[in-house]
All heavy atoms as atom14 arrays in JSON, in Angstrom:
{
  "sequence": "QLRERLNSLLRGLFTAGALRGATAAEAFNVRCDRSTMSQRDLDTGR",
  "atom14_mask": [
    [1, 1, 1, 1, 1, 1, 1, 1, 1, 0, 0, 0, 0, 0],
    [1, 1, 1, 1, 1, 1, 1, 1, 0, 0, 0, 0, 0, 0],
    [1, 1, 1, 1, 1, 1, 1, 1, 1, 1, 1, 0, 0, 0],
    [1, 1, 1, 1, 1, 1, 1, 1, 1, 0, 0, 0, 0, 0],
    [1, 1, 1, 1, 1, 1, 1, 1, 1, 1, 1, 0, 0, 0],
    [1, 1, 1, 1, 1, 1, 1, 1, 0, 0, 0, 0, 0, 0],
    [1, 1, 1, 1, 1, 1, 1, 1, 0, 0, 0, 0, 0, 0],
    [1, 1, 1, 1, 1, 1, 0, 0, 0, 0, 0, 0, 0, 0],
    [1, 1, 1, 1, 1, 1, 1, 1, 0, 0, 0, 0, 0, 0],
    [1, 1, 1, 1, 1, 1, 1, 1, 0, 0, 0, 0, 0, 0],
    [1, 1, 1, 1, 1, 1, 1, 1, 1, 1, 1, 0, 0, 0],
    [1, 1, 1, 1, 0, 0, 0, 0, 0, 0, 0, 0, 0, 0],
    [1, 1, 1, 1, 1, 1, 1, 1, 0, 0, 0, 0, 0, 0],
    [1, 1, 1, 1, 1, 1, 1, 1, 1, 1, 1, 0, 0, 0],
    [1, 1, 1, 1, 1, 1, 1, 0, 0, 0, 0, 0, 0, 0],
    [1, 1, 1, 1, 1, 0, 0, 0, 0, 0, 0, 0, 0, 0],
    [1, 1, 1, 1, 0, 0, 0, 0, 0, 0, 0, 0, 0, 0],
    [1, 1, 1, 1, 1, 0, 0, 0, 0, 0, 0, 0, 0, 0],
    [1, 1, 1, 1, 1, 1, 1, 1, 0, 0, 0, 0, 0, 0],
    [1, 1, 1, 1, 1, 1, 1, 1, 1, 1, 1, 0, 0, 0],
    [1, 1, 1, 1, 0, 0, 0, 0, 0, 0, 0, 0, 0, 0],
    [1, 1, 1, 1, 1, 0, 0, 0, 0, 0, 0, 0, 0, 0],
    [1, 1, 1, 1, 1, 1, 1, 0, 0, 0, 0, 0, 0, 0],
    [1, 1, 1, 1, 1, 0, 0, 0, 0, 0, 0, 0, 0, 0],
    [1, 1, 1, 1, 1, 0, 0, 0, 0, 0, 0, 0, 0, 0],
    [1, 1, 1, 1, 1, 1, 1, 1, 1, 0, 0, 0, 0, 0],
    [1, 1, 1, 1, 1, 0, 0, 0, 0, 0, 0, 0, 0, 0],
    [1, 1, 1, 1, 1, 1, 1, 1, 1, 1, 1, 0, 0, 0],
    [1, 1, 1, 1, 1, 1, 1, 1, 0, 0, 0, 0, 0, 0],
    [1, 1, 1, 1, 1, 1, 1, 0, 0, 0, 0, 0, 0, 0],
    [1, 1, 1, 1, 1, 1, 1, 1, 1, 1, 1, 0, 0, 0],
    [1, 1, 1, 1, 1, 1, 0, 0, 0, 0, 0, 0, 0, 0],
    [1, 1, 1, 1, 1, 1, 1, 1, 0, 0, 0, 0, 0, 0],
    [1, 1, 1, 1, 1, 1, 1, 1, 1, 1, 1, 0, 0, 0],
    [1, 1, 1, 1, 1, 1, 0, 0, 0, 0, 0, 0, 0, 0],
    [1, 1, 1, 1, 1, 1, 1, 0, 0, 0, 0, 0, 0, 0],
    [1, 1, 1, 1, 1, 1, 1, 1, 0, 0, 0, 0, 0, 0],
    [1, 1, 1, 1, 1, 1, 0, 0, 0, 0, 0, 0, 0, 0],
    [1, 1, 1, 1, 1, 1, 1, 1, 1, 0, 0, 0, 0, 0],
    [1, 1, 1, 1, 1, 1, 1, 1, 1, 1, 1, 0, 0, 0],
    [1, 1, 1, 1, 1, 1, 1, 1, 0, 0, 0, 0, 0, 0],
    [1, 1, 1, 1, 1, 1, 1, 1, 0, 0, 0, 0, 0, 0],
    [1, 1, 1, 1, 1, 1, 1, 1, 0, 0, 0, 0, 0, 0],
    [1, 1, 1, 1, 1, 1, 1, 0, 0, 0, 0, 0, 0, 0],
    [1, 1, 1, 1, 0, 0, 0, 0, 0, 0, 0, 0, 0, 0],
    [1, 1, 1, 1, 1, 1, 1, 1, 1, 1, 1, 0, 0, 0]
  ],
  "atom14_positions": [
    [[-12.44, 7.26, 3.2], [-12.17, 5.89, 2.63], [-11.83, 6.04, 1.16], [-10.79, 5.4, 0.61], [-13.34, 5.03, 2.82], [-13.54, 4.71, 4.31], [-14.88, 3.88, 4.47], [-15.41, 3.41, 3.49], [-15.3, 3.89, 5.74], [0.0, 0.0, 0.0], [0.0, 0.0, 0.0], [0.0, 0.0, 0.0], [0.0, 0.0, 0.0], [0.0, 0.0, 0.0]],
    [[-12.57, 6.79, 0.36], [-12.42, 6.84, -1.09], [-11.08, 7.68, -1.34], [-10.19, 7.21, -2.28], [-13.55, 7.68, -1.67], [-14.93, 6.88, -1.76], [-16.05, 7.9, -2.28], [-14.76, 5.63, -2.47], [0.0, 0.0, 0.0], [0.0, 0.0, 0.0], [0.0, 0.0, 0.0], [0.0, 0.0, 0.0], [0.0, 0.0, 0.0], [0.0, 0.0, 0.0]],
    [[-10.73, 8.61, -0.49], [-9.55, 9.26, -0.84], [-8.26, 8.31, -0.48], [-7.29, 8.23, -1.27], [-9.28, 10.35, 0.14], [-10.04, 11.69, -0.2], [-9.62, 12.98, 0.43], [-9.64, 12.71, 2.0], [-10.66, 13.04, 2.73], [-11.79, 13.63, 2.16], [-10.67, 13.0, 4.11], [0.0, 0.0, 0.0], [0.0, 0.0, 0.0], [0.0, 0.0, 0.0]],
    [[-8.32, 7.48, 0.49], [-7.26, 6.62, 0.71], [-7.19, 5.54, -0.22], [-6.01, 5.15, -0.71], [-7.63, 5.93, 2.1], [-6.52, 4.95, 2.6], [-5.04, 5.61, 2.61], [-4.87, 6.73, 2.84], [-4.18, 4.91, 2.24], [0.0, 0.0, 0.0], [0.0, 0.0, 0.0], [0.0, 0.0, 0.0], [0.0, 0.0, 0.0], [0.0, 0.0, 0.0]],
    [[-8.27, 5.06, -0.78], [-8.13, 4.04, -1.84], [-7.51, 4.56, -3.01], [-6.73, 3.95, -3.78], [-9.56, 3.38, -2.11], [-10.04, 2.56, -0.91], [-11.36, 1.75, -1.39], [-11.08, 0.75, -2.42], [-11.85, -0.25, -2.65], [-12.95, -0.36, -1.94], [-11.56, -1.05, -3.63], [0.0, 0.0, 0.0], [0.0, 0.0, 0.0], [0.0, 0.0, 0.0]],
    [[-8.1, 5.77, -3.54], [-7.41, 6.4, -4.61], [-5.92, 6.69, -4.36], [-5.13, 6.58, -5.36], [-8.26, 7.65, -5.13], [-9.61, 7.31, -5.66], [-10.47, 8.48, -5.78], [-9.61, 6.52, -6.94], [0.0, 0.0, 0.0], [0.0, 0.0, 0.0], [0.0, 0.0, 0.0], [0.0, 0.0, 0.0], [0.0, 0.0, 0.0], [0.0, 0.0, 0.0]],
    [[-5.55, 7.25, -3.19], [-4.24, 7.53, -2.94], [-3.34, 6.35, -2.91], [-2.27, 6.39, -3.45], [-4.16, 8.28, -1.54], [-4.31, 9.69, -1.62], [-3.77, 10.43, -2.44], [-5.23, 10.27, -0.79], [0.0, 0.0, 0.0], [0.0, 0.0, 0.0], [0.0, 0.0, 0.0], [0.0, 0.0, 0.0], [0.0, 0.0, 0.0], [0.0, 0.0, 0.0]],
    [[-4.0, 5.22, -2.39], [-3.13, 3.96, -2.41], [-2.8, 3.5, -3.86], [-1.73, 2.96, -4.15], [-3.89, 2.9, -1.68], [-3.26, 1.69, -1.74], [0.0, 0.0, 0.0], [0.0, 0.0, 0.0], [0.0, 0.0, 0.0], [0.0, 0.0, 0.0], [0.0, 0.0, 0.0], [0.0, 0.0, 0.0], [0.0, 0.0, 0.0], [0.0, 0.0, 0.0]],
    [[-3.88, 3.72, -4.7], [-3.61, 3.2, -6.15], [-2.53, 4.12, -6.7], [-1.65, 3.62, -7.39], [-4.91, 3.42, -6.82], [-4.74, 3.29, -8.48], [-4.38, 1.85, -8.86], [-6.06, 3.71, -9.07], [0.0, 0.0, 0.0], [0.0, 0.0, 0.0], [0.0, 0.0, 0.0], [0.0, 0.0, 0.0], [0.0, 0.0, 0.0], [0.0, 0.0, 0.0]],
    [[-2.62, 5.5, -6.55], [-1.65, 6.33, -7.17], [-0.32, 6.2, -6.65], [0.71, 6.41, -7.38], [-2.29, 7.74, -7.03], [-3.5, 8.1, -7.93], [-4.25, 9.28, -7.45], [-3.28, 8.07, -9.4], [0.0, 0.0, 0.0], [0.0, 0.0, 0.0], [0.0, 0.0, 0.0], [0.0, 0.0, 0.0], [0.0, 0.0, 0.0], [0.0, 0.0, 0.0]],
    [[-0.12, 5.94, -5.34], [1.18, 5.69, -4.81], [1.8, 4.47, -5.39], [2.95, 4.32, -5.67], [1.03, 5.49, -3.28], [0.95, 6.76, -2.43], [1.15, 6.44, -0.98], [0.2, 5.63, -0.33], [-0.98, 6.05, 0.22], [-1.23, 7.33, 0.09], [-1.87, 5.19, 0.74], [0.0, 0.0, 0.0], [0.0, 0.0, 0.0], [0.0, 0.0, 0.0]],
    [[0.93, 3.33, -5.73], [1.56, 2.27, -6.41], [1.95, 2.59, -7.75], [3.04, 2.18, -8.3], [0.0, 0.0, 0.0], [0.0, 0.0, 0.0], [0.0, 0.0, 0.0], [0.0, 0.0, 0.0], [0.0, 0.0, 0.0], [0.0, 0.0, 0.0], [0.0, 0.0, 0.0], [0.0, 0.0, 0.0], [0.0, 0.0, 0.0], [0.0, 0.0, 0.0]],
    [[1.15, 3.47, -8.5], [1.67, 3.87, -9.85], [2.86, 4.63, -9.75], [3.77, 4.55, -10.7], [0.47, 4.57, -10.45], [-0.82, 3.72, -10.85], [-1.93, 4.63, -11.19], [-0.51, 2.69, -11.9], [0.0, 0.0, 0.0], [0.0, 0.0, 0.0], [0.0, 0.0, 0.0], [0.0, 0.0, 0.0], [0.0, 0.0, 0.0], [0.0, 0.0, 0.0]],
    [[2.98, 5.58, -8.69], [4.21, 6.35, -8.61], [5.21, 5.54, -8.33], [6.37, 5.69, -9.05], [3.9, 7.36, -7.56], [5.2, 8.21, -7.17], [5.65, 9.15, -7.98], [5.93, 7.91, -5.96], [6.84, 9.98, -7.72], [6.83, 8.66, -5.69], [7.42, 9.55, -6.43], [0.0, 0.0, 0.0], [0.0, 0.0, 0.0], [0.0, 0.0, 0.0]],
    [[5.23, 4.56, -7.44], [6.31, 3.7, -7.16], [6.79, 2.85, -8.45], [8.0, 2.58, -8.66], [5.95, 2.68, -6.06], [5.58, 3.4, -4.88], [7.21, 1.91, -5.64], [0.0, 0.0, 0.0], [0.0, 0.0, 0.0], [0.0, 0.0, 0.0], [0.0, 0.0, 0.0], [0.0, 0.0, 0.0], [0.0, 0.0, 0.0], [0.0, 0.0, 0.0]],
    [[5.84, 2.49, -9.27], [6.05, 1.71, -10.36], [6.73, 2.54, -11.56], [7.18, 1.94, -12.6], [4.86, 0.99, -10.86], [0.0, 0.0, 0.0], [0.0, 0.0, 0.0], [0.0, 0.0, 0.0], [0.0, 0.0, 0.0], [0.0, 0.0, 0.0], [0.0, 0.0, 0.0], [0.0, 0.0, 0.0], [0.0, 0.0, 0.0], [0.0, 0.0, 0.0]],
    [[6.62, 3.86, -11.45], [7.2, 4.69, -12.54], [6.21, 5.26, -13.43], [6.54, 5.89, -14.49], [0.0, 0.0, 0.0], [0.0, 0.0, 0.0], [0.0, 0.0, 0.0], [0.0, 0.0, 0.0], [0.0, 0.0, 0.0], [0.0, 0.0, 0.0], [0.0, 0.0, 0.0], [0.0, 0.0, 0.0], [0.0, 0.0, 0.0], [0.0, 0.0, 0.0]],
    [[4.84, 5.08, -13.11], [3.88, 5.63, -14.14], [3.68, 7.16, -14.01], [3.06, 7.72, -14.83], [2.56, 4.9, -13.98], [0.0, 0.0, 0.0], [0.0, 0.0, 0.0], [0.0, 0.0, 0.0], [0.0, 0.0, 0.0], [0.0, 0.0, 0.0], [0.0, 0.0, 0.0], [0.0, 0.0, 0.0], [0.0, 0.0, 0.0], [0.0, 0.0, 0.0]],
    [[3.9, 7.59, -12.7], [3.79, 9.03, -12.53], [5.18, 9.74, -12.29], [6.14, 9.01, -11.73], [2.9, 9.28, -11.38], [1.61, 8.65, -11.39], [0.8, 8.88, -10.1], [0.76, 8.97, -12.58], [0.0, 0.0, 0.0], [0.0, 0.0, 0.0], [0.0, 0.0, 0.0], [0.0, 0.0, 0.0], [0.0, 0.0, 0.0], [0.0, 0.0, 0.0]],
    [[5.34, 10.86, -12.68], [6.53, 11.76, -12.55], [6.47, 12.61, -11.48], [5.4, 13.17, -11.16], [6.97, 12.35, -13.85], [6.2, 13.5, -14.2], [6.59, 14.27, -15.32], [5.85, 15.4, -15.75], [5.44, 15.7, -16.95], [5.78, 14.95, -17.98], [4.75, 16.79, -17.06], [0.0, 0.0, 0.0], [0.0, 0.0, 0.0], [0.0, 0.0, 0.0]],
    [[7.63, 12.92, -10.82], [7.67, 13.75, -9.68], [8.79, 13.29, -8.69], [9.03, 12.05, -8.55], [0.0, 0.0, 0.0], [0.0, 0.0, 0.0], [0.0, 0.0, 0.0], [0.0, 0.0, 0.0], [0.0, 0.0, 0.0], [0.0, 0.0, 0.0], [0.0, 0.0, 0.0], [0.0, 0.0, 0.0], [0.0, 0.0, 0.0], [0.0, 0.0, 0.0]],
    [[9.37, 14.19, -7.94], [10.45, 13.9, -7.03], [9.78, 13.22, -5.86], [10.4, 12.2, -5.14], [11.18, 15.02, -6.55], [0.0, 0.0, 0.0], [0.0, 0.0, 0.0], [0.0, 0.0, 0.0], [0.0, 0.0, 0.0], [0.0, 0.0, 0.0], [0.0, 0.0, 0.0], [0.0, 0.0, 0.0], [0.0, 0.0, 0.0], [0.0, 0.0, 0.0]],
    [[8.55, 13.57, -5.5], [7.87, 12.92, -4.42], [6.42, 12.59, -4.83], [5.99, 13.12, -5.86], [7.72, 13.86, -3.23], [7.06, 15.04, -3.57], [9.17, 14.32, -2.7], [0.0, 0.0, 0.0], [0.0, 0.0, 0.0], [0.0, 0.0, 0.0], [0.0, 0.0, 0.0], [0.0, 0.0, 0.0], [0.0, 0.0, 0.0], [0.0, 0.0, 0.0]],
    [[5.77, 11.68, -4.13], [4.39, 11.45, -4.36], [3.48, 12.77, -4.32], [2.54, 12.87, -5.18], [3.85, 10.34, -3.35], [0.0, 0.0, 0.0], [0.0, 0.0, 0.0], [0.0, 0.0, 0.0], [0.0, 0.0, 0.0], [0.0, 0.0, 0.0], [0.0, 0.0, 0.0], [0.0, 0.0, 0.0], [0.0, 0.0, 0.0], [0.0, 0.0, 0.0]],
    [[3.81, 13.68, -3.51], [2.92, 14.85, -3.44], [3.11, 15.55, -4.82], [2.15, 16.28, -5.12], [3.37, 15.75, -2.3], [0.0, 0.0, 0.0], [0.0, 0.0, 0.0], [0.0, 0.0, 0.0], [0.0, 0.0, 0.0], [0.0, 0.0, 0.0], [0.0, 0.0, 0.0], [0.0, 0.0, 0.0], [0.0, 0.0, 0.0], [0.0, 0.0, 0.0]],
    [[4.27, 15.52, -5.41], [4.39, 16.27, -6.58], [3.72, 15.56, -7.82], [3.36, 16.11, -8.83], [5.88, 16.42, -7.0], [6.64, 17.49, -6.07], [8.05, 17.57, -6.43], [8.54, 17.03, -7.65], [8.86, 18.24, -5.78], [0.0, 0.0, 0.0], [0.0, 0.0, 0.0], [0.0, 0.0, 0.0], [0.0, 0.0, 0.0], [0.0, 0.0, 0.0]],
    [[3.66, 14.25, -7.56], [3.12, 13.46, -8.71], [1.7, 13.22, -8.88], [1.05, 13.22, -9.93], [3.72, 11.93, -8.48], [0.0, 0.0, 0.0], [0.0, 0.0, 0.0], [0.0, 0.0, 0.0], [0.0, 0.0, 0.0], [0.0, 0.0, 0.0], [0.0, 0.0, 0.0], [0.0, 0.0, 0.0], [0.0, 0.0, 0.0], [0.0, 0.0, 0.0]],
    [[0.83, 13.43, -7.69], [-0.54, 13.31, -7.91], [-1.16, 14.01, -6.59], [-0.5, 14.31, -5.56], [-0.98, 11.84, -7.9], [-0.61, 11.07, -6.55], [-1.48, 10.94, -5.55], [0.6, 10.32, -6.52], [-1.22, 10.18, -4.39], [0.87, 9.54, -5.32], [0.06, 9.47, -4.36], [0.0, 0.0, 0.0], [0.0, 0.0, 0.0], [0.0, 0.0, 0.0]],
    [[-2.47, 14.29, -6.76], [-3.31, 14.85, -5.72], [-4.77, 14.36, -5.78], [-5.19, 14.33, -6.92], [-3.12, 16.38, -5.73], [-4.17, 17.03, -4.67], [-4.07, 16.69, -3.56], [-5.0, 18.0, -5.12], [0.0, 0.0, 0.0], [0.0, 0.0, 0.0], [0.0, 0.0, 0.0], [0.0, 0.0, 0.0], [0.0, 0.0, 0.0], [0.0, 0.0, 0.0]],
    [[-5.36, 14.03, -4.74], [-6.7, 13.42, -4.69], [-7.43, 14.38, -3.76], [-7.21, 14.47, -2.52], [-6.81, 12.01, -4.21], [-8.23, 11.63, -4.23], [-6.01, 11.13, -5.21], [0.0, 0.0, 0.0], [0.0, 0.0, 0.0], [0.0, 0.0, 0.0], [0.0, 0.0, 0.0], [0.0, 0.0, 0.0], [0.0, 0.0, 0.0], [0.0, 0.0, 0.0]],
    [[-8.67, 14.8, -4.07], [-9.48, 15.56, -3.28], [-11.0, 15.0, -3.31], [-11.38, 14.71, -4.39], [-9.65, 17.07, -3.71], [-8.36, 17.88, -3.4], [-8.5, 19.32, -3.7], [-8.87, 19.56, -5.08], [-10.07, 20.14, -5.46], [-10.89, 20.59, -4.56], [-10.18, 20.52, -6.71], [0.0, 0.0, 0.0], [0.0, 0.0, 0.0], [0.0, 0.0, 0.0]],
    [[-11.57, 14.72, -2.13], [-12.82, 14.3, -2.1], [-13.42, 14.82, -0.75], [-13.17, 14.17, 0.34], [-12.98, 12.76, -2.11], [-14.57, 12.08, -2.09], [0.0, 0.0, 0.0], [0.0, 0.0, 0.0], [0.0, 0.0, 0.0], [0.0, 0.0, 0.0], [0.0, 0.0, 0.0], [0.0, 0.0, 0.0], [0.0, 0.0, 0.0], [0.0, 0.0, 0.0]],
    [[-13.97, 15.93, -0.77], [-14.51, 16.61, 0.54], [-15.54, 17.59, 0.01], [-16.06, 17.67, -1.07], [-13.39, 17.26, 1.27], [-12.43, 18.16, 0.4], [-13.04, 18.81, -0.55], [-11.29, 18.16, 0.49], [0.0, 0.0, 0.0], [0.0, 0.0, 0.0], [0.0, 0.0, 0.0], [0.0, 0.0, 0.0], [0.0, 0.0, 0.0], [0.0, 0.0, 0.0]],
    [[-15.93, 18.55, 0.94], [-16.91, 19.49, 0.71], [-16.67, 20.42, -0.52], [-17.57, 21.08, -1.04], [-17.37, 20.21, 1.87], [-18.15, 19.34, 2.92], [-18.57, 20.14, 4.13], [-19.29, 19.26, 4.99], [-20.67, 18.95, 4.86], [-21.31, 19.36, 3.83], [-21.2, 18.13, 5.71], [0.0, 0.0, 0.0], [0.0, 0.0, 0.0], [0.0, 0.0, 0.0]],
    [[-15.25, 20.56, -0.73], [-14.94, 21.48, -1.73], [-15.11, 20.86, -3.25], [-15.18, 21.73, -4.05], [-13.38, 21.79, -1.63], [-12.66, 20.79, -1.95], [0.0, 0.0, 0.0], [0.0, 0.0, 0.0], [0.0, 0.0, 0.0], [0.0, 0.0, 0.0], [0.0, 0.0, 0.0], [0.0, 0.0, 0.0], [0.0, 0.0, 0.0], [0.0, 0.0, 0.0]],
    [[-15.36, 19.62, -3.26], [-15.55, 19.05, -4.57], [-17.01, 18.67, -4.9], [-17.4, 18.31, -5.93], [-14.82, 17.64, -4.72], [-15.34, 16.74, -3.8], [-13.43, 17.91, -4.51], [0.0, 0.0, 0.0], [0.0, 0.0, 0.0], [0.0, 0.0, 0.0], [0.0, 0.0, 0.0], [0.0, 0.0, 0.0], [0.0, 0.0, 0.0], [0.0, 0.0, 0.0]],
    [[-17.93, 18.98, -3.86], [-19.34, 18.56, -3.97], [-20.26, 19.77, -3.58], [-19.97, 20.57, -2.69], [-19.67, 17.49, -3.13], [-19.16, 16.02, -3.63], [-19.23, 14.74, -2.42], [-17.81, 15.02, -1.49], [0.0, 0.0, 0.0], [0.0, 0.0, 0.0], [0.0, 0.0, 0.0], [0.0, 0.0, 0.0], [0.0, 0.0, 0.0], [0.0, 0.0, 0.0]],
    [[-21.34, 20.03, -4.35], [-22.27, 21.08, -4.03], [-23.35, 20.48, -3.11], [-23.43, 19.14, -2.77], [-23.01, 21.55, -5.26], [-23.76, 20.56, -5.87], [0.0, 0.0, 0.0], [0.0, 0.0, 0.0], [0.0, 0.0, 0.0], [0.0, 0.0, 0.0], [0.0, 0.0, 0.0], [0.0, 0.0, 0.0], [0.0, 0.0, 0.0], [0.0, 0.0, 0.0]],
    [[-24.18, 21.24, -2.52], [-25.19, 20.73, -1.63], [-26.2, 19.78, -2.34], [-26.74, 18.86, -1.78], [-26.0, 21.91, -0.98], [-27.06, 21.55, 0.05], [-26.38, 20.76, 1.23], [-25.28, 21.17, 1.79], [-26.88, 19.75, 1.67], [0.0, 0.0, 0.0], [0.0, 0.0, 0.0], [0.0, 0.0, 0.0], [0.0, 0.0, 0.0], [0.0, 0.0, 0.0]],
    [[-26.43, 20.13, -3.64], [-27.27, 19.25, -4.47], [-26.59, 17.84, -4.57], [-27.4, 16.82, -4.59], [-27.35, 19.91, -5.85], [-28.46, 19.11, -6.82], [-28.66, 19.86, -8.07], [-29.63, 19.01, -8.92], [-29.91, 19.32, -10.12], [-29.41, 20.49, -10.49], [-30.79, 18.62, -10.81], [0.0, 0.0, 0.0], [0.0, 0.0, 0.0], [0.0, 0.0, 0.0]],
    [[-25.38, 17.85, -4.83], [-24.54, 16.5, -4.79], [-24.88, 15.79, -3.62], [-25.04, 14.59, -3.54], [-23.13, 16.73, -5.16], [-22.83, 17.32, -6.55], [-23.59, 16.98, -7.44], [-21.86, 18.1, -6.51], [0.0, 0.0, 0.0], [0.0, 0.0, 0.0], [0.0, 0.0, 0.0], [0.0, 0.0, 0.0], [0.0, 0.0, 0.0], [0.0, 0.0, 0.0]],
    [[-24.65, 16.51, -2.42], [-24.9, 15.79, -1.14], [-26.37, 15.3, -1.02], [-26.56, 14.2, -0.53], [-24.51, 16.79, -0.04], [-23.14, 17.22, -0.03], [-22.88, 18.26, 1.09], [-22.09, 16.03, 0.22], [0.0, 0.0, 0.0], [0.0, 0.0, 0.0], [0.0, 0.0, 0.0], [0.0, 0.0, 0.0], [0.0, 0.0, 0.0], [0.0, 0.0, 0.0]],
    [[-27.34, 16.02, -1.39], [-28.7, 15.72, -1.25], [-29.09, 14.43, -2.09], [-29.96, 13.73, -1.79], [-29.47, 16.94, -1.63], [-29.39, 18.06, -0.6], [-29.01, 17.72, 0.44], [-29.81, 19.18, -1.03], [0.0, 0.0, 0.0], [0.0, 0.0, 0.0], [0.0, 0.0, 0.0], [0.0, 0.0, 0.0], [0.0, 0.0, 0.0], [0.0, 0.0, 0.0]],
    [[-28.42, 14.46, -3.34], [-28.75, 13.28, -4.16], [-27.87, 12.11, -4.02], [-27.93, 11.12, -4.86], [-28.65, 13.84, -5.78], [-27.33, 14.32, -5.94], [-29.73, 14.84, -6.06], [0.0, 0.0, 0.0], [0.0, 0.0, 0.0], [0.0, 0.0, 0.0], [0.0, 0.0, 0.0], [0.0, 0.0, 0.0], [0.0, 0.0, 0.0], [0.0, 0.0, 0.0]],
    [[-26.93, 12.05, -3.02], [-26.2, 10.92, -2.75], [-24.92, 10.81, -3.71], [-24.48, 9.65, -3.88], [0.0, 0.0, 0.0], [0.0, 0.0, 0.0], [0.0, 0.0, 0.0], [0.0, 0.0, 0.0], [0.0, 0.0, 0.0], [0.0, 0.0, 0.0], [0.0, 0.0, 0.0], [0.0, 0.0, 0.0], [0.0, 0.0, 0.0], [0.0, 0.0, 0.0]],
    [[-24.56, 11.82, -4.49], [-23.37, 11.76, -5.33], [-22.17, 12.11, -4.68], [-22.09, 13.19, -4.09], [-23.72, 12.5, -6.63], [-22.67, 12.35, -7.67], [-23.13, 12.82, -9.04], [-23.2, 14.17, -9.12], [-23.36, 14.89, -10.22], [-23.23, 14.25, -11.38], [-23.45, 16.2, -10.32], [0.0, 0.0, 0.0], [0.0, 0.0, 0.0], [0.0, 0.0, 0.0]]
  ]
}
């Protein structure tokens, strides 16, 4: 859900011209998964 909300915002910024790149994939990237959090983050609810 968080990835989708942030991706939606950045797609809007890309369409408006705030971000550069031939495609949205070139303009931005959002990651929110186990690769961005440690086990301690998961245990503390962050």
